[in-house]
Amino acid sequence: MATKLQFESQIALYASAGYDGTSFDDTTFNLALVPAPGIGMAEAERAMDAVLADVMKNGIDAEQFDRIKTQIHADNIYAEDSVMGLARRYGEALTTGLKIEDVQAWPAVLDAVTVEDVKAAAIDVLDKRRSVTGWMMPETASDDTTELMQ
């Protein structure tokens, strides 16, 4: 999403997606977008929706998927150099119902995830009927909310 919105179309200055995979209760999947100068909120939201629709229809790029998995593995290796990071990883897991074995098995679980798994999850999670959208704007900013209400 970020690559398409920030670099390819230059609709956004910043775009991100994420969730808390170790929350005790049900969690949320969050999307964030900061439009580029001159891009209205409605236009930015439509562009993000188009990218998400493409992911749900076509899946994600396998090469990019492999790169992201490699990056996550590298982040985990570097985290092992931090006593605090290790304590947090295990502590967070144990307080949310996971076991030590779950933490240790996580790299293999990550390796088992496929592009098809991500597409199926996107279809399930990115259901607009179950979404909430909020716009944060300066008080003096002109907005294009009336465009969405028509």
C-alpha atoms as a PDB file:
ATOM      1  CA  MET A   1       0.000   0.000   0.000  1.00  0.00           C
ATOM      2  CA  ALA A   2       2.689   2.487   1.003  1.00  0.00           C
ATOM      3  CA  THR A   3       4.744   1.954  -2.147  1.00  0.00           C
ATOM      4  CA  LYS A   4       1.761   2.500  -4.448  1.00  0.00           C
ATOM      5  CA  LEU A   5       0.405   5.536  -2.593  1.00  0.00           C
ATOM      6  CA  GLN A   6       3.677   7.245  -1.680  1.00  0.00           C
ATOM      7  CA  PHE A   7       5.983   6.493  -4.582  1.00  0.00           C
ATOM      8  CA  GLU A   8       3.974   5.333  -7.569  1.00  0.00           C
ATOM      9  CA  SER A   9       0.961   7.665  -7.467  1.00  0.00           C
ATOM     10  CA  GLN A  10       2.435  10.176  -4.977  1.00  0.00           C
ATOM     11  CA  ILE A  11      -1.025  10.584  -3.419  1.00  0.00           C
ATOM     12  CA  ALA A  12       0.415  10.234   0.095  1.00  0.00           C
ATOM     13  CA  LEU A  13       3.337  11.516   2.095  1.00  0.00           C
ATOM     14  CA  TYR A  14       2.904   8.573   4.462  1.00  0.00           C
ATOM     15  CA  ALA A  15       0.863   5.373   4.473  1.00  0.00           C
ATOM     16  CA  SER A  16       0.910   2.434   6.858  1.00  0.00           C
ATOM     17  CA  ALA A  17      -0.975  -0.651   7.932  1.00  0.00           C
ATOM     18  CA  GLY A  18      -0.697  -2.700  11.086  1.00  0.00           C
ATOM     19  CA  TYR A  19      -2.246  -4.499  14.013  1.00  0.00           C
ATOM     20  CA  ASP A  20      -1.283  -5.779  17.454  1.00  0.00           C
ATOM     21  CA  GLY A  21      -0.920  -9.513  17.035  1.00  0.00           C
ATOM     22  CA  THR A  22      -0.498 -10.159  20.744  1.00  0.00           C
ATOM     23  CA  SER A  23      -3.373  -8.217  22.214  1.00  0.00           C
ATOM     24  CA  PHE A  24      -5.300 -10.148  24.836  1.00  0.00           C
ATOM     25  CA  ASP A  25      -8.713  -9.378  23.350  1.00  0.00           C
ATOM     26  CA  ASP A  26      -9.780  -8.987  19.741  1.00  0.00           C
ATOM     27  CA  THR A  27      -7.603  -6.453  18.000  1.00  0.00           C
ATOM     28  CA  THR A  28      -8.051  -3.994  15.159  1.00  0.00           C
ATOM     29  CA  PHE A  29      -6.301  -3.682  11.827  1.00  0.00           C
ATOM     30  CA  ASN A  30      -5.310  -0.062  11.294  1.00  0.00           C
ATOM     31  CA  LEU A  31      -4.615   1.865   8.117  1.00  0.00           C
ATOM     32  CA  ALA A  32      -3.143   5.358   8.141  1.00  0.00           C
ATOM     33  CA  LEU A  33      -2.612   7.821   5.332  1.00  0.00           C
ATOM     34  CA  VAL A  34      -1.261  11.378   5.167  1.00  0.00           C
ATOM     35  CA  PRO A  35      -2.199  12.944   1.825  1.00  0.00           C
ATOM     36  CA  ALA A  36       0.411  14.769  -0.211  1.00  0.00           C
ATOM     37  CA  PRO A  37       0.005  18.564  -0.502  1.00  0.00           C
ATOM     38  CA  GLY A  38      -2.894  19.424  -2.782  1.00  0.00           C
ATOM     39  CA  ILE A  39      -4.589  16.053  -2.330  1.00  0.00           C
ATOM     40  CA  GLY A  40      -7.922  16.173  -0.513  1.00  0.00           C
ATOM     41  CA  MET A  41      -8.928  13.649   2.119  1.00  0.00           C
ATOM     42  CA  ALA A  42     -11.677  12.143  -0.047  1.00  0.00           C
ATOM     43  CA  GLU A  43      -9.309  11.695  -2.985  1.00  0.00           C
ATOM     44  CA  ALA A  44      -6.684  10.106  -0.726  1.00  0.00           C
ATOM     45  CA  GLU A  45      -9.250   7.771   0.799  1.00  0.00           C
ATOM     46  CA  ARG A  46     -10.485   6.698  -2.641  1.00  0.00           C
ATOM     47  CA  ALA A  47      -6.900   5.992  -3.721  1.00  0.00           C
ATOM     48  CA  MET A  48      -6.289   3.897  -0.595  1.00  0.00           C
ATOM     49  CA  ASP A  49      -9.550   2.018  -1.164  1.00  0.00           C
ATOM     50  CA  ALA A  50      -8.474   1.295  -4.754  1.00  0.00           C
ATOM     51  CA  VAL A  51      -5.154  -0.156  -3.581  1.00  0.00           C
ATOM     52  CA  LEU A  52      -6.938  -2.313  -1.010  1.00  0.00           C
ATOM     53  CA  ALA A  53      -9.450  -3.515  -3.606  1.00  0.00           C
ATOM     54  CA  ASP A  54      -6.542  -4.491  -5.857  1.00  0.00           C
ATOM     55  CA  VAL A  55      -4.952  -6.490  -3.030  1.00  0.00           C
ATOM     56  CA  MET A  56      -8.220  -8.281  -2.334  1.00  0.00           C
ATOM     57  CA  LYS A  57      -8.671  -9.072  -6.022  1.00  0.00           C
ATOM     58  CA  ASN A  58      -5.112  -9.852  -7.107  1.00  0.00           C
ATOM     59  CA  GLY A  59      -3.165 -10.510  -3.910  1.00  0.00           C
ATOM     60  CA  ILE A  60       0.259  -9.068  -3.227  1.00  0.00           C
ATOM     61  CA  ASP A  61       3.525  -9.156  -5.128  1.00  0.00           C
ATOM     62  CA  ALA A  62       5.411 -12.362  -4.239  1.00  0.00           C
ATOM     63  CA  GLU A  63       8.827 -10.696  -4.462  1.00  0.00           C
ATOM     64  CA  GLN A  64       7.795  -7.896  -2.120  1.00  0.00           C
ATOM     65  CA  PHE A  65       6.207 -10.450   0.214  1.00  0.00           C
ATOM     66  CA  ASP A  66       9.501 -12.381   0.440  1.00  0.00           C
ATOM     67  CA  ARG A  67      11.384  -9.134   1.103  1.00  0.00           C
ATOM     68  CA  ILE A  68       9.023  -8.242   3.959  1.00  0.00           C
ATOM     69  CA  LYS A  69       9.384 -11.707   5.505  1.00  0.00           C
ATOM     70  CA  THR A  70      13.179 -11.379   5.317  1.00  0.00           C
ATOM     71  CA  GLN A  71      12.969  -7.954   6.966  1.00  0.00           C
ATOM     72  CA  ILE A  72      10.823  -9.341   9.806  1.00  0.00           C
ATOM     73  CA  HIS A  73      13.295 -12.188  10.349  1.00  0.00           C
ATOM     74  CA  ALA A  74      16.176  -9.701  10.436  1.00  0.00           C
ATOM     75  CA  ASP A  75      14.329  -7.488  12.941  1.00  0.00           C
ATOM     76  CA  ASN A  76      13.839 -10.515  15.179  1.00  0.00           C
ATOM     77  CA  ILE A  77      17.505 -11.479  14.979  1.00  0.00           C
ATOM     78  CA  TYR A  78      18.569  -7.964  15.934  1.00  0.00           C
ATOM     79  CA  ALA A  79      16.020  -7.931  18.758  1.00  0.00           C
ATOM     80  CA  GLU A  80      17.804 -10.901  20.316  1.00  0.00           C
ATOM     81  CA  ASP A  81      20.727  -8.564  21.051  1.00  0.00           C
ATOM     82  CA  SER A  82      18.508  -6.631  23.444  1.00  0.00           C
ATOM     83  CA  VAL A  83      17.787  -8.127  26.849  1.00  0.00           C
ATOM     84  CA  MET A  84      14.857  -5.738  27.195  1.00  0.00           C
ATOM     85  CA  GLY A  85      13.560  -6.690  23.750  1.00  0.00           C
ATOM     86  CA  LEU A  86      13.694 -10.392  24.560  1.00  0.00           C
ATOM     87  CA  ALA A  87      12.003  -9.857  27.914  1.00  0.00           C
ATOM     88  CA  ARG A  88       9.278  -7.843  26.237  1.00  0.00           C
ATOM     89  CA  ARG A  89       8.751 -10.442  23.502  1.00  0.00           C
ATOM     90  CA  TYR A  90       8.341 -13.279  25.999  1.00  0.00           C
ATOM     91  CA  GLY A  91       6.463 -11.216  28.576  1.00  0.00           C
ATOM     92  CA  GLU A  92       3.955  -9.933  26.044  1.00  0.00           C
ATOM     93  CA  ALA A  93       3.386 -13.438  24.720  1.00  0.00           C
ATOM     94  CA  LEU A  94       2.922 -14.978  28.156  1.00  0.00           C
ATOM     95  CA  THR A  95       0.508 -12.282  29.318  1.00  0.00           C
ATOM     96  CA  THR A  96      -1.710 -12.808  26.269  1.00  0.00           C
ATOM     97  CA  GLY A  97      -2.095 -16.566  26.616  1.00  0.00           C
ATOM     98  CA  LEU A  98       0.771 -17.773  24.464  1.00  0.00           C
ATOM     99  CA  LYS A  99       3.473 -20.172  25.635  1.00  0.00           C
ATOM    100  CA  ILE A 100       7.259 -20.050  25.387  1.00  0.00           C
ATOM    101  CA  GLU A 101       7.019 -22.664  22.636  1.00  0.00           C
ATOM    102  CA  ASP A 102       4.791 -20.286  20.655  1.00  0.00           C
ATOM    103  CA  VAL A 103       7.435 -17.563  20.772  1.00  0.00           C
ATOM    104  CA  GLN A 104      10.150 -19.988  19.747  1.00  0.00           C
ATOM    105  CA  ALA A 105       8.037 -21.410  16.905  1.00  0.00           C
ATOM    106  CA  TRP A 106       7.117 -17.988  15.521  1.00  0.00           C
ATOM    107  CA  PRO A 107       9.834 -17.842  12.800  1.00  0.00           C
ATOM    108  CA  ALA A 108       8.578 -21.166  11.394  1.00  0.00           C
ATOM    109  CA  VAL A 109       4.981 -19.920  11.571  1.00  0.00           C
ATOM    110  CA  LEU A 110       6.012 -16.810   9.631  1.00  0.00           C
ATOM    111  CA  ASP A 111       7.769 -18.953   7.026  1.00  0.00           C
ATOM    112  CA  ALA A 112       4.595 -21.001   6.535  1.00  0.00           C
ATOM    113  CA  VAL A 113       2.480 -17.943   5.619  1.00  0.00           C
ATOM    114  CA  THR A 114       1.839 -17.732   1.883  1.00  0.00           C
ATOM    115  CA  VAL A 115       0.776 -14.977  -0.484  1.00  0.00           C
ATOM    116  CA  GLU A 116      -2.577 -16.788  -0.735  1.00  0.00           C
ATOM    117  CA  ASP A 117      -2.928 -16.649   3.072  1.00  0.00           C
ATOM    118  CA  VAL A 118      -2.432 -12.884   2.978  1.00  0.00           C
ATOM    119  CA  LYS A 119      -5.028 -12.481   0.223  1.00  0.00           C
ATOM    120  CA  ALA A 120      -7.549 -14.556   2.193  1.00  0.00           C
ATOM    121  CA  ALA A 121      -6.870 -12.508   5.334  1.00  0.00           C
ATOM    122  CA  ALA A 122      -7.259  -9.258   3.370  1.00  0.00           C
ATOM    123  CA  ILE A 123     -10.651 -10.368   2.082  1.00  0.00           C
ATOM    124  CA  ASP A 124     -11.737 -11.204   5.627  1.00  0.00           C
ATOM    125  CA  VAL A 125     -10.258  -8.188   7.443  1.00  0.00           C
ATOM    126  CA  LEU A 126     -10.690  -5.397   4.902  1.00  0.00           C
ATOM    127  CA  ASP A 127     -14.469  -5.548   4.741  1.00  0.00           C
ATOM    128  CA  LYS A 128     -15.582  -1.912   4.396  1.00  0.00           C
ATOM    129  CA  ARG A 129     -18.916  -2.744   6.027  1.00  0.00           C
ATOM    130  CA  ARG A 130     -17.036  -3.353   9.290  1.00  0.00           C
ATOM    131  CA  SER A 131     -14.694  -0.367   9.060  1.00  0.00           C
ATOM    132  CA  VAL A 132     -14.549   3.007  10.744  1.00  0.00           C
ATOM    133  CA  THR A 133     -12.868   5.984   9.096  1.00  0.00           C
ATOM    134  CA  GLY A 134     -11.670   9.083  10.877  1.00  0.00           C
ATOM    135  CA  TRP A 135     -10.103  12.191   9.402  1.00  0.00           C
ATOM    136  CA  MET A 136      -7.766  14.315  11.512  1.00  0.00           C
ATOM    137  CA  MET A 137      -7.388  17.786  10.064  1.00  0.00           C
ATOM    138  CA  PRO A 138      -6.348  21.228  11.279  1.00  0.00           C
ATOM    139  CA  GLU A 139      -9.275  23.401  12.291  1.00  0.00           C
ATOM    140  CA  THR A 140      -8.539  25.886   9.506  1.00  0.00           C
ATOM    141  CA  ALA A 141      -8.014  23.341   6.750  1.00  0.00           C
ATOM    142  CA  SER A 142     -10.467  23.220   3.911  1.00  0.00           C
ATOM    143  CA  ASP A 143     -11.830  19.758   3.570  1.00  0.00           C
ATOM    144  CA  ASP A 144     -13.755  17.858   1.000  1.00  0.00           C
ATOM    145  CA  THR A 145     -16.151  16.076   3.343  1.00  0.00           C
ATOM    146  CA  THR A 146     -19.197  17.412   1.501  1.00  0.00           C
ATOM    147  CA  GLU A 147     -18.006  15.461  -1.543  1.00  0.00           C
ATOM    148  CA  LEU A 148     -18.362  12.191   0.405  1.00  0.00           C
ATOM    149  CA  MET A 149     -21.777  13.090   1.800  1.00  0.00           C
ATOM    150  CA  GLN A 150     -23.403  13.572  -1.599  1.00  0.00           C
END
